[in-house]
Amino acid sequence: MSASNSRASRRAVLALGVLAVTGGGAAGAGAVWRMNAKAADPARLASGSPSPTPSPTPDYVALTTAKVASYVADNGNGHITVAVRDRTSDVALTVGKTRFQSASIVKVDILAALLLRAKQQGKKITDSDRYKAEKMITASDNDAATSLFTKIGGKSGLTAANKTFGMKETTPSVHWGMAMTTAADQVRLLTTLTDEAGPLDEAGRAYLFDLMSQVEEDQDWGVPAAAGPDTTATYVKNGWDNISADNGLWQVNTIGRLVEPGRDWLVAVLSGHHETQTAGIKMVEAVAKYTLRELRKIPQA
């Protein structure tokens, strides 16, 4: 499927700043107000009359973040985190700091590192690498990921690339799927990969996101569930695995992008401790949908 035929959605956000609420509840994240104080009337000041009381304007991002934090606390049992940023307005929220095993979402990072390496060498990626990259992103092929991970220099190569990408909370592993990361860091990666002034050139950015718009139908879940009727393009990469350290329970992650009129959402939902993969998918989709629905309620400037 192509980006132009992707799922749909709507967006409305006021550029009131970036606020992060971490943890599992809304405590401490209650209503935050910004005062719209108007210039006092000089005549009133001279007479000693009090100035009009400024009217409070709600900090919509803070209020929305508190609602999402409460929703996650009520539904995620401490095993789910979410981060969202609108590239157009820079409005963003993050709920939760937990580091999760990346599973296959790291394949976006691997492809980005491959494209960065080629650019730094003044080369284009080979036809063989393109074939493997397509399999790795659209079909989540593990053998292709292993081959490209080796080509970029494995753990050390990915670590170096991540410094260029501005990632702060991701630790690559010698086993690519066991990298540890956060939802906030995945949004940092997506922010860098969509930046026209970022380390990838226009062709590299277009190639990467084109592949993310063509994932196979059985993997077209997660972030796309948060799309609405106005969405013009949807991009996604998911990851899932049984975690032996968690008694074989499931880890389910989703990262992606939803483009809408005047909005460009970057989304990451990471989760673990699910009895089944299906239960994990249901949970990350519910959190993604709730978060985007609440963000779209924020009035535009």
C-alpha atoms as a PDB file:
ATOM      1  CA  MET A   1       0.000   0.000   0.000  1.00  0.00           C
ATOM      2  CA  SER A   2       1.244   3.529  -0.651  1.00  0.00           C
ATOM      3  CA  ALA A   3       1.465   6.519   1.643  1.00  0.00           C
ATOM      4  CA  SER A   4      -1.298   8.265  -0.288  1.00  0.00           C
ATOM      5  CA  ASN A   5      -3.674   5.376   0.315  1.00  0.00           C
ATOM      6  CA  SER A   6      -2.924   5.076   4.002  1.00  0.00           C
ATOM      7  CA  ARG A   7      -5.427   5.224   6.784  1.00  0.00           C
ATOM      8  CA  ALA A   8      -7.153   8.379   7.923  1.00  0.00           C
ATOM      9  CA  SER A   9      -7.190  10.848  10.899  1.00  0.00           C
ATOM     10  CA  ARG A  10      -7.671  14.331  12.150  1.00  0.00           C
ATOM     11  CA  ARG A  11      -5.447  16.716  14.215  1.00  0.00           C
ATOM     12  CA  ALA A  12      -5.732  19.870  16.157  1.00  0.00           C
ATOM     13  CA  VAL A  13      -3.044  21.121  18.473  1.00  0.00           C
ATOM     14  CA  LEU A  14      -2.155  24.454  20.015  1.00  0.00           C
ATOM     15  CA  ALA A  15       1.561  25.281  20.095  1.00  0.00           C
ATOM     16  CA  LEU A  16       1.696  25.889  23.814  1.00  0.00           C
ATOM     17  CA  GLY A  17       4.980  24.125  24.435  1.00  0.00           C
ATOM     18  CA  VAL A  18       6.326  20.720  25.244  1.00  0.00           C
ATOM     19  CA  LEU A  19       5.487  19.040  28.541  1.00  0.00           C
ATOM     20  CA  ALA A  20       6.332  15.551  29.762  1.00  0.00           C
ATOM     21  CA  VAL A  21       4.540  13.715  32.526  1.00  0.00           C
ATOM     22  CA  THR A  22       6.171  10.484  33.538  1.00  0.00           C
ATOM     23  CA  GLY A  23       5.023   7.528  35.568  1.00  0.00           C
ATOM     24  CA  GLY A  24       1.656   5.924  35.731  1.00  0.00           C
ATOM     25  CA  GLY A  25      -0.773   8.525  37.013  1.00  0.00           C
ATOM     26  CA  ALA A  26      -2.007  12.051  36.807  1.00  0.00           C
ATOM     27  CA  ALA A  27      -0.805  13.062  40.262  1.00  0.00           C
ATOM     28  CA  GLY A  28       1.156  16.262  40.128  1.00  0.00           C
ATOM     29  CA  ALA A  29       0.083  16.902  36.547  1.00  0.00           C
ATOM     30  CA  GLY A  30      -3.198  18.663  37.273  1.00  0.00           C
ATOM     31  CA  ALA A  31      -4.496  21.814  35.695  1.00  0.00           C
ATOM     32  CA  VAL A  32      -1.820  24.320  34.788  1.00  0.00           C
ATOM     33  CA  TRP A  33      -2.960  27.818  33.948  1.00  0.00           C
ATOM     34  CA  ARG A  34      -1.356  30.581  31.959  1.00  0.00           C
ATOM     35  CA  MET A  35      -2.444  34.140  32.727  1.00  0.00           C
ATOM     36  CA  ASN A  36      -3.331  36.440  29.867  1.00  0.00           C
ATOM     37  CA  ALA A  37      -2.589  39.700  31.654  1.00  0.00           C
ATOM     38  CA  LYS A  38      -3.533  42.767  29.657  1.00  0.00           C
ATOM     39  CA  ALA A  39      -1.819  46.132  29.958  1.00  0.00           C
ATOM     40  CA  ALA A  40      -3.395  48.121  32.763  1.00  0.00           C
ATOM     41  CA  ASP A  41      -5.277  51.329  32.004  1.00  0.00           C
ATOM     42  CA  PRO A  42      -2.964  54.262  33.010  1.00  0.00           C
ATOM     43  CA  ALA A  43      -5.964  56.251  34.237  1.00  0.00           C
ATOM     44  CA  ARG A  44      -7.019  53.408  36.497  1.00  0.00           C
ATOM     45  CA  LEU A  45      -3.478  53.111  37.859  1.00  0.00           C
ATOM     46  CA  ALA A  46      -3.370  56.850  38.573  1.00  0.00           C
ATOM     47  CA  SER A  47      -6.671  56.693  40.400  1.00  0.00           C
ATOM     48  CA  GLY A  48      -5.574  53.728  42.478  1.00  0.00           C
ATOM     49  CA  SER A  49      -8.338  51.548  41.078  1.00  0.00           C
ATOM     50  CA  PRO A  50      -7.432  47.875  40.841  1.00  0.00           C
ATOM     51  CA  SER A  51      -6.546  46.450  37.443  1.00  0.00           C
ATOM     52  CA  PRO A  52      -8.947  43.961  35.905  1.00  0.00           C
ATOM     53  CA  THR A  53      -8.342  40.403  37.015  1.00  0.00           C
ATOM     54  CA  PRO A  54      -6.602  38.569  34.170  1.00  0.00           C
ATOM     55  CA  SER A  55      -8.565  35.663  32.769  1.00  0.00           C
ATOM     56  CA  PRO A  56      -6.959  32.229  33.121  1.00  0.00           C
ATOM     57  CA  THR A  57      -6.182  30.261  29.975  1.00  0.00           C
ATOM     58  CA  PRO A  58      -5.753  26.529  30.427  1.00  0.00           C
ATOM     59  CA  ASP A  59      -2.463  24.908  29.445  1.00  0.00           C
ATOM     60  CA  TYR A  60      -4.085  22.385  27.157  1.00  0.00           C
ATOM     61  CA  VAL A  61      -0.959  20.278  26.725  1.00  0.00           C
ATOM     62  CA  ALA A  62      -0.594  19.848  30.491  1.00  0.00           C
ATOM     63  CA  LEU A  63      -4.243  18.951  30.876  1.00  0.00           C
ATOM     64  CA  THR A  64      -4.104  16.479  27.998  1.00  0.00           C
ATOM     65  CA  THR A  65      -0.924  14.899  29.344  1.00  0.00           C
ATOM     66  CA  ALA A  66      -2.593  14.422  32.726  1.00  0.00           C
ATOM     67  CA  LYS A  67      -5.568  12.719  31.080  1.00  0.00           C
ATOM     68  CA  VAL A  68      -3.326  10.389  29.085  1.00  0.00           C
ATOM     69  CA  ALA A  69      -1.274   9.586  32.197  1.00  0.00           C
ATOM     70  CA  SER A  70      -4.461   8.687  34.041  1.00  0.00           C
ATOM     71  CA  TYR A  71      -5.633   6.518  31.147  1.00  0.00           C
ATOM     72  CA  VAL A  72      -2.301   4.683  31.005  1.00  0.00           C
ATOM     73  CA  ALA A  73      -2.335   4.154  34.776  1.00  0.00           C
ATOM     74  CA  ASP A  74      -5.842   2.726  34.645  1.00  0.00           C
ATOM     75  CA  ASN A  75      -5.229   0.463  31.652  1.00  0.00           C
ATOM     76  CA  GLY A  76      -1.540  -0.282  31.304  1.00  0.00           C
ATOM     77  CA  ASN A  77      -0.717  -1.654  34.759  1.00  0.00           C
ATOM     78  CA  GLY A  78       2.625   0.136  34.630  1.00  0.00           C
ATOM     79  CA  HIS A  79       3.783  -1.744  31.563  1.00  0.00           C
ATOM     80  CA  ILE A  80       3.110   0.775  28.796  1.00  0.00           C
ATOM     81  CA  THR A  81       4.548   4.144  27.773  1.00  0.00           C
ATOM     82  CA  VAL A  82       3.648   6.628  25.052  1.00  0.00           C
ATOM     83  CA  ALA A  83       5.271   9.630  23.412  1.00  0.00           C
ATOM     84  CA  VAL A  84       3.794  11.867  20.717  1.00  0.00           C
ATOM     85  CA  ARG A  85       5.064  14.974  18.962  1.00  0.00           C
ATOM     86  CA  ASP A  86       3.461  17.138  16.298  1.00  0.00           C
ATOM     87  CA  ARG A  87       6.221  18.364  13.975  1.00  0.00           C
ATOM     88  CA  THR A  88       4.095  21.290  12.842  1.00  0.00           C
ATOM     89  CA  SER A  89       3.413  22.874  16.220  1.00  0.00           C
ATOM     90  CA  ASP A  90       6.082  21.181  18.366  1.00  0.00           C
ATOM     91  CA  VAL A  91       3.355  20.239  20.859  1.00  0.00           C
ATOM     92  CA  ALA A  92       4.434  17.014  22.539  1.00  0.00           C
ATOM     93  CA  LEU A  93       3.747  14.759  25.460  1.00  0.00           C
ATOM     94  CA  THR A  94       5.472  11.795  27.055  1.00  0.00           C
ATOM     95  CA  VAL A  95       3.971   9.466  29.631  1.00  0.00           C
ATOM     96  CA  GLY A  96       6.325   6.946  31.201  1.00  0.00           C
ATOM     97  CA  LYS A  97      10.104   6.527  31.312  1.00  0.00           C
ATOM     98  CA  THR A  98      10.349   2.738  31.297  1.00  0.00           C
ATOM     99  CA  ARG A  99      12.973   1.275  28.976  1.00  0.00           C
ATOM    100  CA  PHE A 100      11.727  -1.655  26.928  1.00  0.00           C
ATOM    101  CA  GLN A 101      13.429  -4.154  24.683  1.00  0.00           C
ATOM    102  CA  SER A 102      13.127  -2.807  21.155  1.00  0.00           C
ATOM    103  CA  ALA A 103      12.264  -5.995  19.281  1.00  0.00           C
ATOM    104  CA  SER A 104      11.765  -5.184  15.583  1.00  0.00           C
ATOM    105  CA  ILE A 105      11.155  -1.447  15.846  1.00  0.00           C
ATOM    106  CA  VAL A 106      14.980  -1.185  15.878  1.00  0.00           C
ATOM    107  CA  LYS A 107      14.886  -2.122  12.194  1.00  0.00           C
ATOM    108  CA  VAL A 108      13.992   1.492  11.393  1.00  0.00           C
ATOM    109  CA  ASP A 109      17.101   2.541  13.311  1.00  0.00           C
ATOM    110  CA  ILE A 110      19.215  -0.004  11.416  1.00  0.00           C
ATOM    111  CA  LEU A 111      17.987   1.241   8.031  1.00  0.00           C
ATOM    112  CA  ALA A 112      18.570   4.852   9.070  1.00  0.00           C
ATOM    113  CA  ALA A 113      22.136   3.939  10.101  1.00  0.00           C
ATOM    114  CA  LEU A 114      22.683   2.198   6.751  1.00  0.00           C
ATOM    115  CA  LEU A 115      21.491   5.280   4.853  1.00  0.00           C
ATOM    116  CA  LEU A 116      23.634   7.545   7.028  1.00  0.00           C
ATOM    117  CA  ARG A 117      26.696   5.366   6.415  1.00  0.00           C
ATOM    118  CA  ALA A 118      26.168   5.491   2.646  1.00  0.00           C
ATOM    119  CA  LYS A 119      25.764   9.266   2.713  1.00  0.00           C
ATOM    120  CA  GLN A 120      28.933   9.722   4.763  1.00  0.00           C
ATOM    121  CA  GLN A 121      30.819   7.575   2.255  1.00  0.00           C
ATOM    122  CA  GLY A 122      29.357   9.479  -0.678  1.00  0.00           C
ATOM    123  CA  LYS A 123      27.677   6.349  -1.984  1.00  0.00           C
ATOM    124  CA  LYS A 124      24.218   4.930  -2.580  1.00  0.00           C
ATOM    125  CA  ILE A 125      23.097   1.728  -0.912  1.00  0.00           C
ATOM    126  CA  THR A 126      23.424  -1.287  -3.172  1.00  0.00           C
ATOM    127  CA  ASP A 127      20.581  -3.090  -4.898  1.00  0.00           C
ATOM    128  CA  SER A 128      21.208  -6.027  -2.563  1.00  0.00           C
ATOM    129  CA  ASP A 129      20.898  -3.755   0.454  1.00  0.00           C
ATOM    130  CA  ARG A 130      17.697  -2.278  -0.937  1.00  0.00           C
ATOM    131  CA  TYR A 131      16.239  -5.742  -1.341  1.00  0.00           C
ATOM    132  CA  LYS A 132      17.143  -6.601   2.251  1.00  0.00           C
ATOM    133  CA  ALA A 133      15.870  -3.242   3.561  1.00  0.00           C
ATOM    134  CA  GLU A 134      12.511  -3.774   1.890  1.00  0.00           C
ATOM    135  CA  LYS A 135      12.178  -7.232   3.428  1.00  0.00           C
ATOM    136  CA  MET A 136      13.334  -5.938   6.814  1.00  0.00           C
ATOM    137  CA  ILE A 137      10.804  -3.082   7.010  1.00  0.00           C
ATOM    138  CA  THR A 138       7.765  -4.310   5.075  1.00  0.00           C
ATOM    139  CA  ALA A 139       7.898  -7.968   6.157  1.00  0.00           C
ATOM    140  CA  SER A 140      10.033  -7.592   9.317  1.00  0.00           C
ATOM    141  CA  ASP A 141      12.457 -10.193   7.980  1.00  0.00           C
ATOM    142  CA  ASN A 142      14.992 -11.072  10.679  1.00  0.00           C
ATOM    143  CA  ASP A 143      17.687 -12.490   8.409  1.00  0.00           C
ATOM    144  CA  ALA A 144      17.707  -9.288   6.389  1.00  0.00           C
ATOM    145  CA  ALA A 145      17.972  -7.279   9.603  1.00  0.00           C
ATOM    146  CA  THR A 146      20.921  -9.372  10.788  1.00  0.00           C
ATOM    147  CA  SER A 147      22.740  -8.871   7.487  1.00  0.00           C
ATOM    148  CA  LEU A 148      22.262  -5.086   7.477  1.00  0.00           C
ATOM    149  CA  PHE A 149      23.048  -4.819  11.193  1.00  0.00           C
ATOM    150  CA  THR A 150      26.373  -6.509  10.494  1.00  0.00           C
ATOM    151  CA  LYS A 151      27.037  -4.200   7.549  1.00  0.00           C
ATOM    152  CA  ILE A 152      26.615  -1.024   9.643  1.00  0.00           C
ATOM    153  CA  GLY A 153      29.091  -2.343  12.219  1.00  0.00           C
ATOM    154  CA  GLY A 154      26.762  -4.072  14.631  1.00  0.00           C
ATOM    155  CA  LYS A 155      26.380  -2.674  18.132  1.00  0.00           C
ATOM    156  CA  SER A 156      29.186  -0.113  17.821  1.00  0.00           C
ATOM    157  CA  GLY A 157      27.959   1.084  14.432  1.00  0.00           C
ATOM    158  CA  LEU A 158      24.414   1.567  15.658  1.00  0.00           C
ATOM    159  CA  THR A 159      25.628   3.302  18.809  1.00  0.00           C
ATOM    160  CA  ALA A 160      27.616   5.789  16.728  1.00  0.00           C
ATOM    161  CA  ALA A 161      24.684   6.424  14.386  1.00  0.00           C
ATOM    162  CA  ASN A 162      22.346   6.996  17.335  1.00  0.00           C
ATOM    163  CA  LYS A 163      24.576   9.782  18.607  1.00  0.00           C
ATOM    164  CA  THR A 164      24.113  11.492  15.249  1.00  0.00           C
ATOM    165  CA  PHE A 165      20.362  10.892  15.476  1.00  0.00           C
ATOM    166  CA  GLY A 166      20.211  12.628  18.874  1.00  0.00           C
ATOM    167  CA  MET A 167      19.038   9.576  20.781  1.00  0.00           C
ATOM    168  CA  LYS A 168      19.683   9.671  24.530  1.00  0.00           C
ATOM    169  CA  GLU A 169      17.990   6.624  26.056  1.00  0.00           C
ATOM    170  CA  THR A 170      18.721   3.763  23.669  1.00  0.00           C
ATOM    171  CA  THR A 171      21.356   1.106  24.292  1.00  0.00           C
ATOM    172  CA  PRO A 172      22.066  -1.169  21.308  1.00  0.00           C
ATOM    173  CA  SER A 173      22.916  -4.820  21.907  1.00  0.00           C
ATOM    174  CA  VAL A 174      25.041  -7.316  20.011  1.00  0.00           C
ATOM    175  CA  HIS A 175      21.682  -8.952  19.338  1.00  0.00           C
ATOM    176  CA  TRP A 176      19.846  -6.195  17.455  1.00  0.00           C
ATOM    177  CA  GLY A 177      16.359  -7.003  18.787  1.00  0.00           C
ATOM    178  CA  MET A 178      17.531  -6.756  22.388  1.00  0.00           C
ATOM    179  CA  ALA A 179      18.391  -3.071  22.249  1.00  0.00           C
ATOM    180  CA  MET A 180      16.824  -1.175  25.157  1.00  0.00           C
ATOM    181  CA  THR A 181      14.923   2.034  24.401  1.00  0.00           C
ATOM    182  CA  THR A 182      12.167   4.413  25.483  1.00  0.00           C
ATOM    183  CA  ALA A 183       9.113   5.854  23.766  1.00  0.00           C
ATOM    184  CA  ALA A 184      10.625   9.340  24.061  1.00  0.00           C
ATOM    185  CA  ASP A 185      13.828   8.227  22.321  1.00  0.00           C
ATOM    186  CA  GLN A 186      11.880   6.625  19.500  1.00  0.00           C
ATOM    187  CA  VAL A 187      10.143   9.950  18.906  1.00  0.00           C
ATOM    188  CA  ARG A 188      13.575  11.635  18.943  1.00  0.00           C
ATOM    189  CA  LEU A 189      14.639   9.218  16.201  1.00  0.00           C
ATOM    190  CA  LEU A 190      11.528   9.902  14.133  1.00  0.00           C
ATOM    191  CA  THR A 191      12.038  13.639  14.638  1.00  0.00           C
ATOM    192  CA  THR A 192      15.566  13.414  13.241  1.00  0.00           C
ATOM    193  CA  LEU A 193      14.506  11.212  10.340  1.00  0.00           C
ATOM    194  CA  THR A 194      11.795  13.671   9.269  1.00  0.00           C
ATOM    195  CA  ASP A 195      13.978  16.763   9.637  1.00  0.00           C
ATOM    196  CA  GLU A 196      14.783  18.426   6.313  1.00  0.00           C
ATOM    197  CA  ALA A 197      17.981  19.725   7.929  1.00  0.00           C
ATOM    198  CA  GLY A 198      18.767  16.374   9.545  1.00  0.00           C
ATOM    199  CA  PRO A 199      21.568  13.895   8.822  1.00  0.00           C
ATOM    200  CA  LEU A 200      19.719  12.014   6.075  1.00  0.00           C
ATOM    201  CA  ASP A 201      19.260  13.554   2.658  1.00  0.00           C
ATOM    202  CA  GLU A 202      15.884  13.961   1.004  1.00  0.00           C
ATOM    203  CA  ALA A 203      16.205  10.740  -0.987  1.00  0.00           C
ATOM    204  CA  GLY A 204      17.111   8.754   2.118  1.00  0.00           C
ATOM    205  CA  ARG A 205      14.205  10.144   4.132  1.00  0.00           C
ATOM    206  CA  ALA A 206      11.756   9.469   1.312  1.00  0.00           C
ATOM    207  CA  TYR A 207      13.031   5.926   0.847  1.00  0.00           C
ATOM    208  CA  LEU A 208      12.786   5.040   4.527  1.00  0.00           C
ATOM    209  CA  PHE A 209       9.274   6.373   5.001  1.00  0.00           C
ATOM    210  CA  ASP A 210       8.082   4.890   1.722  1.00  0.00           C
ATOM    211  CA  LEU A 211       8.990   1.450   3.071  1.00  0.00           C
ATOM    212  CA  MET A 212       7.216   2.247   6.360  1.00  0.00           C
ATOM    213  CA  SER A 213       4.077   3.012   4.347  1.00  0.00           C
ATOM    214  CA  GLN A 214       4.112  -0.450   2.727  1.00  0.00           C
ATOM    215  CA  VAL A 215       4.185  -2.894   5.628  1.00  0.00           C
ATOM    216  CA  GLU A 216       2.404  -6.149   4.975  1.00  0.00           C
ATOM    217  CA  GLU A 217      -1.259  -6.281   5.880  1.00  0.00           C
ATOM    218  CA  ASP A 218      -0.832  -8.572   8.871  1.00  0.00           C
ATOM    219  CA  GLN A 219       1.640  -6.073  10.361  1.00  0.00           C
ATOM    220  CA  ASP A 220      -0.432  -2.985   9.615  1.00  0.00           C
ATOM    221  CA  TRP A 221      -1.493  -2.411  13.228  1.00  0.00           C
ATOM    222  CA  GLY A 222      -0.447  -0.155  16.077  1.00  0.00           C
ATOM    223  CA  VAL A 223      -0.024   3.518  15.127  1.00  0.00           C
ATOM    224  CA  PRO A 224      -2.367   3.213  12.081  1.00  0.00           C
ATOM    225  CA  ALA A 225      -5.237   2.484  14.478  1.00  0.00           C
ATOM    226  CA  ALA A 226      -5.000   6.115  15.639  1.00  0.00           C
ATOM    227  CA  ALA A 227      -5.575   7.467  12.135  1.00  0.00           C
ATOM    228  CA  GLY A 228      -8.763   9.360  11.364  1.00  0.00           C
ATOM    229  CA  PRO A 229     -10.752  10.529   8.359  1.00  0.00           C
ATOM    230  CA  ASP A 230      -8.359  13.391   7.553  1.00  0.00           C
ATOM    231  CA  THR A 231      -5.124  11.415   7.561  1.00  0.00           C
ATOM    232  CA  THR A 232      -3.326  11.581   4.227  1.00  0.00           C
ATOM    233  CA  ALA A 233      -0.364   9.298   4.973  1.00  0.00           C
ATOM    234  CA  THR A 234       0.449   6.669   7.576  1.00  0.00           C
ATOM    235  CA  TYR A 235       3.807   5.059   8.338  1.00  0.00           C
ATOM    236  CA  VAL A 236       4.499   2.281  10.836  1.00  0.00           C
ATOM    237  CA  LYS A 237       7.001  -0.275  12.112  1.00  0.00           C
ATOM    238  CA  ASN A 238       6.053  -2.694  14.841  1.00  0.00           C
ATOM    239  CA  GLY A 239       7.991  -5.013  17.100  1.00  0.00           C
ATOM    240  CA  TRP A 240       6.907  -8.002  19.165  1.00  0.00           C
ATOM    241  CA  ASP A 241       8.619 -10.825  21.009  1.00  0.00           C
ATOM    242  CA  ASN A 242       8.393 -13.226  23.940  1.00  0.00           C
ATOM    243  CA  ILE A 243      10.627 -11.982  26.737  1.00  0.00           C
ATOM    244  CA  SER A 244      12.340 -14.841  28.580  1.00  0.00           C
ATOM    245  CA  ALA A 245      13.211 -12.565  31.504  1.00  0.00           C
ATOM    246  CA  ASP A 246       9.480 -11.889  31.897  1.00  0.00           C
ATOM    247  CA  ASN A 247       8.432 -15.556  31.983  1.00  0.00           C
ATOM    248  CA  GLY A 248       7.798 -15.614  28.253  1.00  0.00           C
ATOM    249  CA  LEU A 249       5.233 -12.814  28.323  1.00  0.00           C
ATOM    250  CA  TRP A 250       4.879 -10.613  25.262  1.00  0.00           C
ATOM    251  CA  GLN A 251       6.499  -7.305  24.428  1.00  0.00           C
ATOM    252  CA  VAL A 252       4.607  -5.280  21.807  1.00  0.00           C
ATOM    253  CA  ASN A 253       5.854  -1.957  20.409  1.00  0.00           C
ATOM    254  CA  THR A 254       4.697   0.377  17.667  1.00  0.00           C
ATOM    255  CA  ILE A 255       6.273   3.486  16.169  1.00  0.00           C
ATOM    256  CA  GLY A 256       5.094   5.574  13.268  1.00  0.00           C
ATOM    257  CA  ARG A 257       3.840   8.771  11.735  1.00  0.00           C
ATOM    258  CA  LEU A 258       0.416  10.172  10.826  1.00  0.00           C
ATOM    259  CA  VAL A 259       0.259  13.105   8.398  1.00  0.00           C
ATOM    260  CA  GLU A 260      -2.874  15.247   8.423  1.00  0.00           C
ATOM    261  CA  PRO A 261      -3.783  18.732   7.157  1.00  0.00           C
ATOM    262  CA  GLY A 262      -1.543  21.099   9.089  1.00  0.00           C
ATOM    263  CA  ARG A 263      -0.269  18.340  11.386  1.00  0.00           C
ATOM    264  CA  ASP A 264       2.472  15.714  11.347  1.00  0.00           C
ATOM    265  CA  TRP A 265       2.255  13.353  14.311  1.00  0.00           C
ATOM    266  CA  LEU A 266       5.227  11.235  15.388  1.00  0.00           C
ATOM    267  CA  VAL A 267       4.091   8.417  17.689  1.00  0.00           C
ATOM    268  CA  ALA A 268       5.697   5.707  19.815  1.00  0.00           C
ATOM    269  CA  VAL A 269       3.927   3.281  22.150  1.00  0.00           C
ATOM    270  CA  LEU A 270       6.077   0.677  23.918  1.00  0.00           C
ATOM    271  CA  SER A 271       4.704  -2.045  26.164  1.00  0.00           C
ATOM    272  CA  GLY A 272       5.358  -5.371  27.829  1.00  0.00           C
ATOM    273  CA  HIS A 273       4.042  -8.045  30.207  1.00  0.00           C
ATOM    274  CA  HIS A 274       1.191  -9.174  27.925  1.00  0.00           C
ATOM    275  CA  GLU A 275      -0.251 -12.679  28.103  1.00  0.00           C
ATOM    276  CA  THR A 276      -0.555 -12.808  24.304  1.00  0.00           C
ATOM    277  CA  GLN A 277       0.620 -10.811  21.311  1.00  0.00           C
ATOM    278  CA  THR A 278      -3.008 -10.045  20.494  1.00  0.00           C
ATOM    279  CA  ALA A 279      -3.548  -8.539  23.938  1.00  0.00           C
ATOM    280  CA  GLY A 280      -0.463  -6.391  23.464  1.00  0.00           C
ATOM    281  CA  ILE A 281      -1.610  -5.144  20.080  1.00  0.00           C
ATOM    282  CA  LYS A 282      -5.001  -4.270  21.511  1.00  0.00           C
ATOM    283  CA  MET A 283      -3.375  -2.289  24.317  1.00  0.00           C
ATOM    284  CA  VAL A 284      -0.908  -0.258  22.216  1.00  0.00           C
ATOM    285  CA  GLU A 285      -3.655   0.576  19.745  1.00  0.00           C
ATOM    286  CA  ALA A 286      -5.998   1.701  22.524  1.00  0.00           C
ATOM    287  CA  VAL A 287      -3.340   3.988  24.003  1.00  0.00           C
ATOM    288  CA  ALA A 288      -2.395   5.417  20.609  1.00  0.00           C
ATOM    289  CA  LYS A 289      -6.035   6.106  19.740  1.00  0.00           C
ATOM    290  CA  TYR A 290      -6.824   7.678  23.100  1.00  0.00           C
ATOM    291  CA  THR A 291      -3.731   9.896  23.063  1.00  0.00           C
ATOM    292  CA  LEU A 292      -4.279  11.204  19.535  1.00  0.00           C
ATOM    293  CA  ARG A 293      -7.993  11.691  20.160  1.00  0.00           C
ATOM    294  CA  GLU A 294      -7.259  13.861  23.192  1.00  0.00           C
ATOM    295  CA  LEU A 295      -4.529  15.833  21.416  1.00  0.00           C
ATOM    296  CA  ARG A 296      -6.872  16.576  18.522  1.00  0.00           C
ATOM    297  CA  LYS A 297      -9.306  18.206  20.952  1.00  0.00           C
ATOM    298  CA  ILE A 298      -6.819  20.954  21.741  1.00  0.00           C
ATOM    299  CA  PRO A 299      -7.947  24.163  19.998  1.00  0.00           C
ATOM    300  CA  GLN A 300      -5.677  25.482  17.293  1.00  0.00           C
ATOM    301  CA  ALA A 301      -4.139  28.899  17.551  1.00  0.00           C
END
